[in-house]
């Protein structure tokens, strides 16, 4: 509520700041000395409150723009100075904001009870509004000055909102929530974490591949059995030649005569 109507009471933010400081100190003393200390929980930021405060700040800018535009003479003064003033000053501004009213147009029962106390007869009155005089073809209708002031007020709302939003975005860019060096350090840490994760994944894949190969080598179905080698022809001929030469030696036994 303070930010919504700060244009009406400019000191409201100061009193709100003092009130928040006092409340924070009192709550801190109460949590530390009178109540059980709560369990601390790690949080990245203020969560959904960030979006709520950001939206509230945007609504506050629009509300303050309407308050400045429609509850003050700031816009009518500018319109008179740059559009209707003959010498570019504020001379005649009050007369410009007053319209004429004919006293004979009072509805029955609404006219003054004792108009004679003024000391003279009154035929016309002045009131603050932008309306046509009684002598015009459309008496008491909204005049062109009213629509000019209304257009200027709406234009001021649009310009004020965009200027404040641009300034707030520029300040956010100039003073970021996270300093640049910390942001770079966080980016480097993220890159190192990704590289470490990739190395771990690669090591797991290599270990799984080695285990698979070792299981294939130790399984009986996949054991390599050496098939019988066929005898070569040269080996067969050599064995036959040796047998031929050995047979006569076996038959040549000593003969004794009787």
C-alpha atoms as a PDB file:
ATOM      1  CA  UNK A   1       0.000   0.000   0.000  1.00  0.00           C
ATOM      2  CA  UNK A   2       2.898   2.336   0.651  1.00  0.00           C
ATOM      3  CA  UNK A   3       4.252   1.994  -2.879  1.00  0.00           C
ATOM      4  CA  UNK A   4       0.815   2.370  -4.470  1.00  0.00           C
ATOM      5  CA  UNK A   5       0.161   5.847  -3.076  1.00  0.00           C
ATOM      6  CA  UNK A   6       3.625   7.238  -2.536  1.00  0.00           C
ATOM      7  CA  UNK A   7       2.755  10.276  -4.682  1.00  0.00           C
ATOM      8  CA  UNK A   8       0.064  11.286  -2.189  1.00  0.00           C
ATOM      9  CA  UNK A   9       2.372  10.986   0.820  1.00  0.00           C
ATOM     10  CA  UNK A  10       6.047  11.072  -0.219  1.00  0.00           C
ATOM     11  CA  UNK A  11       7.281  10.435   3.348  1.00  0.00           C
ATOM     12  CA  UNK A  12       5.472   7.088   3.519  1.00  0.00           C
ATOM     13  CA  UNK A  13       8.484   5.032   2.270  1.00  0.00           C
ATOM     14  CA  UNK A  14      10.705   6.579   4.951  1.00  0.00           C
ATOM     15  CA  UNK A  15       8.290   5.703   7.747  1.00  0.00           C
ATOM     16  CA  UNK A  16       7.825   2.225   6.263  1.00  0.00           C
ATOM     17  CA  UNK A  17      11.613   1.707   6.284  1.00  0.00           C
ATOM     18  CA  UNK A  18      11.880   2.772   9.924  1.00  0.00           C
ATOM     19  CA  UNK A  19       8.962   0.516  10.839  1.00  0.00           C
ATOM     20  CA  UNK A  20      10.566  -2.469   9.083  1.00  0.00           C
ATOM     21  CA  UNK A  21      13.916  -1.900  10.813  1.00  0.00           C
ATOM     22  CA  UNK A  22      12.252  -1.840  14.237  1.00  0.00           C
ATOM     23  CA  UNK A  23      10.138  -4.915  13.466  1.00  0.00           C
ATOM     24  CA  UNK A  24      13.151  -6.885  12.206  1.00  0.00           C
ATOM     25  CA  UNK A  25      15.131  -6.137  15.360  1.00  0.00           C
ATOM     26  CA  UNK A  26      12.221  -7.043  17.618  1.00  0.00           C
ATOM     27  CA  UNK A  27      11.528 -10.279  15.730  1.00  0.00           C
ATOM     28  CA  UNK A  28      15.218 -11.221  15.845  1.00  0.00           C
ATOM     29  CA  UNK A  29      15.312 -10.698  19.601  1.00  0.00           C
ATOM     30  CA  UNK A  30      12.137 -12.733  20.011  1.00  0.00           C
ATOM     31  CA  UNK A  31      13.450 -15.663  17.934  1.00  0.00           C
ATOM     32  CA  UNK A  32      16.837 -15.710  19.679  1.00  0.00           C
ATOM     33  CA  UNK A  33      15.884 -15.110  23.316  1.00  0.00           C
ATOM     34  CA  UNK A  34      12.227 -15.997  23.787  1.00  0.00           C
ATOM     35  CA  UNK A  35      11.379 -18.711  21.264  1.00  0.00           C
ATOM     36  CA  UNK A  36      13.006 -21.913  20.131  1.00  0.00           C
ATOM     37  CA  UNK A  37      15.494 -21.255  17.389  1.00  0.00           C
ATOM     38  CA  UNK A  38      14.088 -22.481  14.046  1.00  0.00           C
ATOM     39  CA  UNK A  39      15.938 -24.968  11.874  1.00  0.00           C
ATOM     40  CA  UNK A  40      17.852 -23.206   9.131  1.00  0.00           C
ATOM     41  CA  UNK A  41      17.016 -24.190   5.562  1.00  0.00           C
ATOM     42  CA  UNK A  42      19.061 -23.342   2.503  1.00  0.00           C
ATOM     43  CA  UNK A  43      17.235 -21.323  -0.165  1.00  0.00           C
ATOM     44  CA  UNK A  44      18.422 -20.012  -3.491  1.00  0.00           C
ATOM     45  CA  UNK A  45      16.371 -16.789  -3.322  1.00  0.00           C
ATOM     46  CA  UNK A  46      13.116 -15.456  -1.892  1.00  0.00           C
ATOM     47  CA  UNK A  47      11.135 -17.681  -4.241  1.00  0.00           C
ATOM     48  CA  UNK A  48       7.673 -16.620  -5.344  1.00  0.00           C
ATOM     49  CA  UNK A  49       7.924 -13.380  -3.376  1.00  0.00           C
ATOM     50  CA  UNK A  50      10.323 -12.070  -6.021  1.00  0.00           C
ATOM     51  CA  UNK A  51       7.626 -12.241  -8.709  1.00  0.00           C
ATOM     52  CA  UNK A  52       5.013 -10.805  -6.345  1.00  0.00           C
ATOM     53  CA  UNK A  53       7.174  -7.822  -5.427  1.00  0.00           C
ATOM     54  CA  UNK A  54       8.090  -7.233  -9.062  1.00  0.00           C
ATOM     55  CA  UNK A  55       4.436  -7.255 -10.096  1.00  0.00           C
ATOM     56  CA  UNK A  56       3.507  -4.994  -7.178  1.00  0.00           C
ATOM     57  CA  UNK A  57       6.200  -2.497  -8.198  1.00  0.00           C
ATOM     58  CA  UNK A  58       4.803  -2.339 -11.745  1.00  0.00           C
ATOM     59  CA  UNK A  59       1.268  -1.806 -10.451  1.00  0.00           C
ATOM     60  CA  UNK A  60       2.580   0.867  -8.074  1.00  0.00           C
ATOM     61  CA  UNK A  61       4.147   2.772 -10.977  1.00  0.00           C
ATOM     62  CA  UNK A  62       0.832   2.808 -12.863  1.00  0.00           C
ATOM     63  CA  UNK A  63      -1.171   3.834  -9.775  1.00  0.00           C
ATOM     64  CA  UNK A  64       1.235   6.659  -8.951  1.00  0.00           C
ATOM     65  CA  UNK A  65       1.091   7.854 -12.556  1.00  0.00           C
ATOM     66  CA  UNK A  66      -2.716   8.088 -12.350  1.00  0.00           C
ATOM     67  CA  UNK A  67      -2.527   9.782  -8.941  1.00  0.00           C
ATOM     68  CA  UNK A  68      -0.124  12.440 -10.227  1.00  0.00           C
ATOM     69  CA  UNK A  69      -2.089  12.916 -13.433  1.00  0.00           C
ATOM     70  CA  UNK A  70      -5.690  13.069 -12.152  1.00  0.00           C
ATOM     71  CA  UNK A  71      -5.406  14.433  -8.600  1.00  0.00           C
ATOM     72  CA  UNK A  72      -3.199  17.455  -9.232  1.00  0.00           C
ATOM     73  CA  UNK A  73      -3.077  20.495 -11.489  1.00  0.00           C
ATOM     74  CA  UNK A  74       0.286  19.501 -12.914  1.00  0.00           C
ATOM     75  CA  UNK A  75      -1.090  18.414 -16.302  1.00  0.00           C
ATOM     76  CA  UNK A  76      -3.700  21.224 -16.664  1.00  0.00           C
ATOM     77  CA  UNK A  77      -0.993  23.786 -15.938  1.00  0.00           C
ATOM     78  CA  UNK A  78       1.270  22.348 -18.638  1.00  0.00           C
ATOM     79  CA  UNK A  79      -1.620  22.229 -21.114  1.00  0.00           C
ATOM     80  CA  UNK A  80      -2.534  25.850 -20.431  1.00  0.00           C
ATOM     81  CA  UNK A  81       1.059  27.059 -20.564  1.00  0.00           C
ATOM     82  CA  UNK A  82       1.911  25.418 -23.891  1.00  0.00           C
ATOM     83  CA  UNK A  83      -1.477  25.499 -25.665  1.00  0.00           C
ATOM     84  CA  UNK A  84      -3.658  28.371 -24.421  1.00  0.00           C
ATOM     85  CA  UNK A  85      -1.388  30.948 -22.789  1.00  0.00           C
ATOM     86  CA  UNK A  86      -0.692  33.992 -24.923  1.00  0.00           C
ATOM     87  CA  UNK A  87       2.702  34.781 -23.413  1.00  0.00           C
ATOM     88  CA  UNK A  88       3.752  31.272 -22.303  1.00  0.00           C
ATOM     89  CA  UNK A  89       3.198  32.002 -18.610  1.00  0.00           C
ATOM     90  CA  UNK A  90       0.624  30.908 -16.045  1.00  0.00           C
ATOM     91  CA  UNK A  91      -1.138  34.276 -16.096  1.00  0.00           C
ATOM     92  CA  UNK A  92      -4.889  33.649 -16.470  1.00  0.00           C
ATOM     93  CA  UNK A  93      -4.749  29.969 -15.552  1.00  0.00           C
ATOM     94  CA  UNK A  94      -7.394  30.188 -12.804  1.00  0.00           C
ATOM     95  CA  UNK A  95      -9.826  31.993 -15.104  1.00  0.00           C
ATOM     96  CA  UNK A  96      -9.194  29.328 -17.758  1.00  0.00           C
ATOM     97  CA  UNK A  97     -10.185  26.505 -15.396  1.00  0.00           C
ATOM     98  CA  UNK A  98     -13.504  28.127 -14.380  1.00  0.00           C
ATOM     99  CA  UNK A  99     -16.717  27.726 -16.358  1.00  0.00           C
ATOM    100  CA  UNK A 100     -19.847  29.918 -16.443  1.00  0.00           C
ATOM    101  CA  UNK A 101     -23.253  29.062 -15.015  1.00  0.00           C
ATOM    102  CA  UNK A 102     -26.458  31.076 -15.399  1.00  0.00           C
ATOM    103  CA  UNK A 103     -28.398  31.380 -12.128  1.00  0.00           C
ATOM    104  CA  UNK A 104     -31.738  31.071 -13.918  1.00  0.00           C
ATOM    105  CA  UNK A 105     -30.782  27.488 -14.803  1.00  0.00           C
ATOM    106  CA  UNK A 106     -30.982  26.372 -11.155  1.00  0.00           C
ATOM    107  CA  UNK A 107     -33.431  23.566 -10.651  1.00  0.00           C
ATOM    108  CA  UNK A 108     -36.333  24.369  -8.321  1.00  0.00           C
ATOM    109  CA  UNK A 109     -35.246  24.105  -4.721  1.00  0.00           C
ATOM    110  CA  UNK A 110     -31.511  24.197  -5.472  1.00  0.00           C
ATOM    111  CA  UNK A 111     -30.996  27.976  -5.756  1.00  0.00           C
ATOM    112  CA  UNK A 112     -29.454  29.928  -2.837  1.00  0.00           C
ATOM    113  CA  UNK A 113     -31.919  30.788  -0.066  1.00  0.00           C
ATOM    114  CA  UNK A 114     -30.643  34.330   0.619  1.00  0.00           C
ATOM    115  CA  UNK A 115     -28.810  35.669  -2.437  1.00  0.00           C
ATOM    116  CA  UNK A 116     -29.317  39.277  -1.338  1.00  0.00           C
ATOM    117  CA  UNK A 117     -26.550  39.182   1.280  1.00  0.00           C
ATOM    118  CA  UNK A 118     -24.024  39.787  -1.518  1.00  0.00           C
ATOM    119  CA  UNK A 119     -25.321  43.330  -1.921  1.00  0.00           C
ATOM    120  CA  UNK A 120     -26.014  43.054  -5.660  1.00  0.00           C
ATOM    121  CA  UNK A 121     -27.868  40.869  -8.085  1.00  0.00           C
ATOM    122  CA  UNK A 122     -26.010  37.829  -9.335  1.00  0.00           C
ATOM    123  CA  UNK A 123     -26.737  36.549 -12.842  1.00  0.00           C
ATOM    124  CA  UNK A 124     -23.792  34.195 -13.485  1.00  0.00           C
ATOM    125  CA  UNK A 125     -21.607  32.005 -11.309  1.00  0.00           C
ATOM    126  CA  UNK A 126     -18.205  30.437 -11.881  1.00  0.00           C
ATOM    127  CA  UNK A 127     -17.266  26.855 -11.033  1.00  0.00           C
ATOM    128  CA  UNK A 128     -14.161  24.783 -11.637  1.00  0.00           C
ATOM    129  CA  UNK A 129     -14.700  22.618 -14.687  1.00  0.00           C
ATOM    130  CA  UNK A 130     -14.151  22.566 -18.430  1.00  0.00           C
ATOM    131  CA  UNK A 131     -17.682  23.041 -19.819  1.00  0.00           C
ATOM    132  CA  UNK A 132     -19.397  25.135 -22.458  1.00  0.00           C
ATOM    133  CA  UNK A 133     -20.975  28.458 -21.371  1.00  0.00           C
ATOM    134  CA  UNK A 134     -24.763  28.941 -21.263  1.00  0.00           C
ATOM    135  CA  UNK A 135     -24.679  30.996 -24.465  1.00  0.00           C
ATOM    136  CA  UNK A 136     -23.261  28.185 -26.599  1.00  0.00           C
ATOM    137  CA  UNK A 137     -25.272  25.792 -28.752  1.00  0.00           C
ATOM    138  CA  UNK A 138     -24.497  22.944 -26.317  1.00  0.00           C
ATOM    139  CA  UNK A 139     -24.586  24.590 -22.879  1.00  0.00           C
ATOM    140  CA  UNK A 140     -22.857  22.892 -19.986  1.00  0.00           C
ATOM    141  CA  UNK A 141     -21.411  20.158 -22.176  1.00  0.00           C
ATOM    142  CA  UNK A 142     -17.770  19.134 -21.903  1.00  0.00           C
ATOM    143  CA  UNK A 143     -15.576  21.556 -23.804  1.00  0.00           C
ATOM    144  CA  UNK A 144     -12.605  20.926 -26.073  1.00  0.00           C
ATOM    145  CA  UNK A 145     -10.278  21.991 -23.279  1.00  0.00           C
ATOM    146  CA  UNK A 146     -11.526  19.090 -21.158  1.00  0.00           C
ATOM    147  CA  UNK A 147     -10.695  16.526 -23.848  1.00  0.00           C
ATOM    148  CA  UNK A 148      -7.314  18.144 -24.437  1.00  0.00           C
ATOM    149  CA  UNK A 149      -6.474  17.932 -20.725  1.00  0.00           C
ATOM    150  CA  UNK A 150      -7.752  14.331 -20.545  1.00  0.00           C
ATOM    151  CA  UNK A 151      -5.610  13.299 -23.524  1.00  0.00           C
ATOM    152  CA  UNK A 152      -2.596  14.980 -21.928  1.00  0.00           C
ATOM    153  CA  UNK A 153      -3.229  13.153 -18.650  1.00  0.00           C
ATOM    154  CA  UNK A 154      -3.447   9.754 -20.345  1.00  0.00           C
ATOM    155  CA  UNK A 155      -0.337  10.518 -22.396  1.00  0.00           C
ATOM    156  CA  UNK A 156       1.482  11.444 -19.188  1.00  0.00           C
ATOM    157  CA  UNK A 157       0.484   8.088 -17.637  1.00  0.00           C
ATOM    158  CA  UNK A 158       1.906   6.184 -20.612  1.00  0.00           C
ATOM    159  CA  UNK A 159       5.121   8.226 -20.753  1.00  0.00           C
ATOM    160  CA  UNK A 160       5.641   8.116 -16.981  1.00  0.00           C
ATOM    161  CA  UNK A 161       5.171   4.351 -16.865  1.00  0.00           C
ATOM    162  CA  UNK A 162       7.591   3.650 -19.719  1.00  0.00           C
ATOM    163  CA  UNK A 163      10.239   6.049 -18.400  1.00  0.00           C
ATOM    164  CA  UNK A 164      10.126   4.561 -14.904  1.00  0.00           C
ATOM    165  CA  UNK A 165      10.245   1.008 -16.274  1.00  0.00           C
ATOM    166  CA  UNK A 166      13.239   1.835 -18.462  1.00  0.00           C
ATOM    167  CA  UNK A 167      15.022   3.457 -15.531  1.00  0.00           C
ATOM    168  CA  UNK A 168      14.320   0.465 -13.281  1.00  0.00           C
ATOM    169  CA  UNK A 169      15.582  -1.962 -15.945  1.00  0.00           C
ATOM    170  CA  UNK A 170      18.710   0.158 -16.394  1.00  0.00           C
ATOM    171  CA  UNK A 171      19.354   0.140 -12.647  1.00  0.00           C
ATOM    172  CA  UNK A 172      18.826  -3.646 -12.566  1.00  0.00           C
ATOM    173  CA  UNK A 173      21.362  -4.034 -15.370  1.00  0.00           C
ATOM    174  CA  UNK A 174      23.787  -1.607 -13.730  1.00  0.00           C
ATOM    175  CA  UNK A 175      23.532  -3.240 -10.296  1.00  0.00           C
ATOM    176  CA  UNK A 176      22.818  -6.957 -10.866  1.00  0.00           C
ATOM    177  CA  UNK A 177      21.586  -9.267  -8.141  1.00  0.00           C
ATOM    178  CA  UNK A 178      24.717 -11.428  -8.503  1.00  0.00           C
ATOM    179  CA  UNK A 179      28.103  -9.658  -8.995  1.00  0.00           C
ATOM    180  CA  UNK A 180      29.924 -10.335 -12.242  1.00  0.00           C
ATOM    181  CA  UNK A 181      32.942 -12.052 -10.669  1.00  0.00           C
ATOM    182  CA  UNK A 182      30.712 -14.383  -8.662  1.00  0.00           C
ATOM    183  CA  UNK A 183      28.672 -15.140 -11.772  1.00  0.00           C
ATOM    184  CA  UNK A 184      31.852 -16.044 -13.678  1.00  0.00           C
ATOM    185  CA  UNK A 185      33.037 -18.231 -10.812  1.00  0.00           C
ATOM    186  CA  UNK A 186      29.695 -20.038 -10.740  1.00  0.00           C
ATOM    187  CA  UNK A 187      29.910 -20.556 -14.508  1.00  0.00           C
ATOM    188  CA  UNK A 188      33.403 -22.050 -14.174  1.00  0.00           C
ATOM    189  CA  UNK A 189      32.263 -24.347 -11.384  1.00  0.00           C
ATOM    190  CA  UNK A 190      29.370 -25.505 -13.525  1.00  0.00           C
ATOM    191  CA  UNK A 191      31.749 -26.297 -16.410  1.00  0.00           C
ATOM    192  CA  UNK A 192      34.028 -28.261 -14.057  1.00  0.00           C
ATOM    193  CA  UNK A 193      31.070 -30.198 -12.712  1.00  0.00           C
ATOM    194  CA  UNK A 194      29.977 -31.093 -16.243  1.00  0.00           C
ATOM    195  CA  UNK A 195      33.500 -32.235 -17.153  1.00  0.00           C
ATOM    196  CA  UNK A 196      33.730 -34.324 -13.973  1.00  0.00           C
ATOM    197  CA  UNK A 197      30.376 -35.896 -14.700  1.00  0.00           C
ATOM    198  CA  UNK A 198      31.450 -36.738 -18.255  1.00  0.00           C
ATOM    199  CA  UNK A 199      34.666 -38.341 -16.975  1.00  0.00           C
ATOM    200  CA  UNK A 200      32.740 -40.427 -14.457  1.00  0.00           C
ATOM    201  CA  UNK A 201      30.321 -41.591 -17.129  1.00  0.00           C
ATOM    202  CA  UNK A 202      33.197 -42.492 -19.453  1.00  0.00           C
ATOM    203  CA  UNK A 203      34.941 -44.429 -16.655  1.00  0.00           C
ATOM    204  CA  UNK A 204      31.741 -46.335 -15.877  1.00  0.00           C
ATOM    205  CA  UNK A 205      31.341 -47.287 -19.528  1.00  0.00           C
ATOM    206  CA  UNK A 206      34.957 -48.521 -19.765  1.00  0.00           C
ATOM    207  CA  UNK A 207      34.607 -50.522 -16.545  1.00  0.00           C
ATOM    208  CA  UNK A 208      31.369 -52.098 -17.773  1.00  0.00           C
ATOM    209  CA  UNK A 209      33.019 -53.010 -21.085  1.00  0.00           C
ATOM    210  CA  UNK A 210      36.012 -54.629 -19.312  1.00  0.00           C
ATOM    211  CA  UNK A 211      33.716 -56.632 -17.032  1.00  0.00           C
ATOM    212  CA  UNK A 212      31.734 -57.839 -20.019  1.00  0.00           C
ATOM    213  CA  UNK A 213      34.875 -58.989 -21.829  1.00  0.00           C
ATOM    214  CA  UNK A 214      36.165 -60.771 -18.709  1.00  0.00           C
ATOM    215  CA  UNK A 215      32.858 -62.591 -18.267  1.00  0.00           C
ATOM    216  CA  UNK A 216      32.994 -63.769 -21.875  1.00  0.00           C
ATOM    217  CA  UNK A 217      36.527 -65.139 -21.364  1.00  0.00           C
ATOM    218  CA  UNK A 218      35.640 -67.034 -18.156  1.00  0.00           C
ATOM    219  CA  UNK A 219      32.368 -68.591 -19.354  1.00  0.00           C
ATOM    220  CA  UNK A 220      32.629 -72.421 -20.319  1.00  0.00           C
ATOM    221  CA  UNK A 221      30.524 -72.057 -23.426  1.00  0.00           C
ATOM    222  CA  UNK A 222      32.934 -69.598 -24.887  1.00  0.00           C
ATOM    223  CA  UNK A 223      36.161 -71.394 -23.787  1.00  0.00           C
ATOM    224  CA  UNK A 224      38.468 -72.041 -26.696  1.00  0.00           C
ATOM    225  CA  UNK A 225      39.026 -75.789 -27.213  1.00  0.00           C
ATOM    226  CA  UNK A 226      42.010 -76.700 -29.395  1.00  0.00           C
ATOM    227  CA  UNK A 227      40.810 -79.063 -32.129  1.00  0.00           C
ATOM    228  CA  UNK A 228      43.000 -82.104 -32.991  1.00  0.00           C
ATOM    229  CA  UNK A 229      45.651 -81.185 -35.457  1.00  0.00           C
ATOM    230  CA  UNK A 230      45.890 -83.437 -38.516  1.00  0.00           C
ATOM    231  CA  UNK A 231      49.182 -85.247 -38.984  1.00  0.00           C
ATOM    232  CA  UNK A 232      51.330 -83.912 -41.651  1.00  0.00           C
ATOM    233  CA  UNK A 233      52.373 -86.194 -44.479  1.00  0.00           C
ATOM    234  CA  UNK A 234      56.062 -85.575 -43.812  1.00  0.00           C
ATOM    235  CA  UNK A 235      55.663 -86.782 -40.248  1.00  0.00           C
ATOM    236  CA  UNK A 236      53.887 -89.958 -41.407  1.00  0.00           C
ATOM    237  CA  UNK A 237      56.604 -90.867 -43.923  1.00  0.00           C
ATOM    238  CA  UNK A 238      59.314 -90.272 -41.325  1.00  0.00           C
ATOM    239  CA  UNK A 239      57.569 -92.542 -38.828  1.00  0.00           C
ATOM    240  CA  UNK A 240      57.211 -95.304 -41.459  1.00  0.00           C
ATOM    241  CA  UNK A 241      60.883 -95.094 -42.452  1.00  0.00           C
ATOM    242  CA  UNK A 242      61.909 -95.432 -38.799  1.00  0.00           C
ATOM    243  CA  UNK A 243      59.656 -98.473 -38.351  1.00  0.00           C
ATOM    244  CA  UNK A 244      61.150-100.186 -41.420  1.00  0.00           C
ATOM    245  CA  UNK A 245      64.651 -99.736 -40.131  1.00  0.00           C
ATOM    246  CA  UNK A 246      63.694-100.828 -36.615  1.00  0.00           C
ATOM    247  CA  UNK A 247      62.021-104.095 -37.659  1.00  0.00           C
ATOM    248  CA  UNK A 248      65.215-105.785 -38.999  1.00  0.00           C
ATOM    249  CA  UNK A 249      67.008-104.879 -35.783  1.00  0.00           C
ATOM    250  CA  UNK A 250      64.263-106.539 -33.795  1.00  0.00           C
ATOM    251  CA  UNK A 251      64.437-109.743 -35.927  1.00  0.00           C
ATOM    252  CA  UNK A 252      68.261-110.059 -35.953  1.00  0.00           C
ATOM    253  CA  UNK A 253      68.645-112.043 -32.747  1.00  0.00           C
ATOM    254  CA  UNK A 254      71.842-114.143 -32.079  1.00  0.00           C
ATOM    255  CA  UNK A 255      71.662-117.781 -33.348  1.00  0.00           C
ATOM    256  CA  UNK A 256      73.426-120.538 -31.393  1.00  0.00           C
ATOM    257  CA  UNK A 257      74.432-123.836 -33.028  1.00  0.00           C
ATOM    258  CA  UNK A 258      73.977-127.097 -31.178  1.00  0.00           C
END
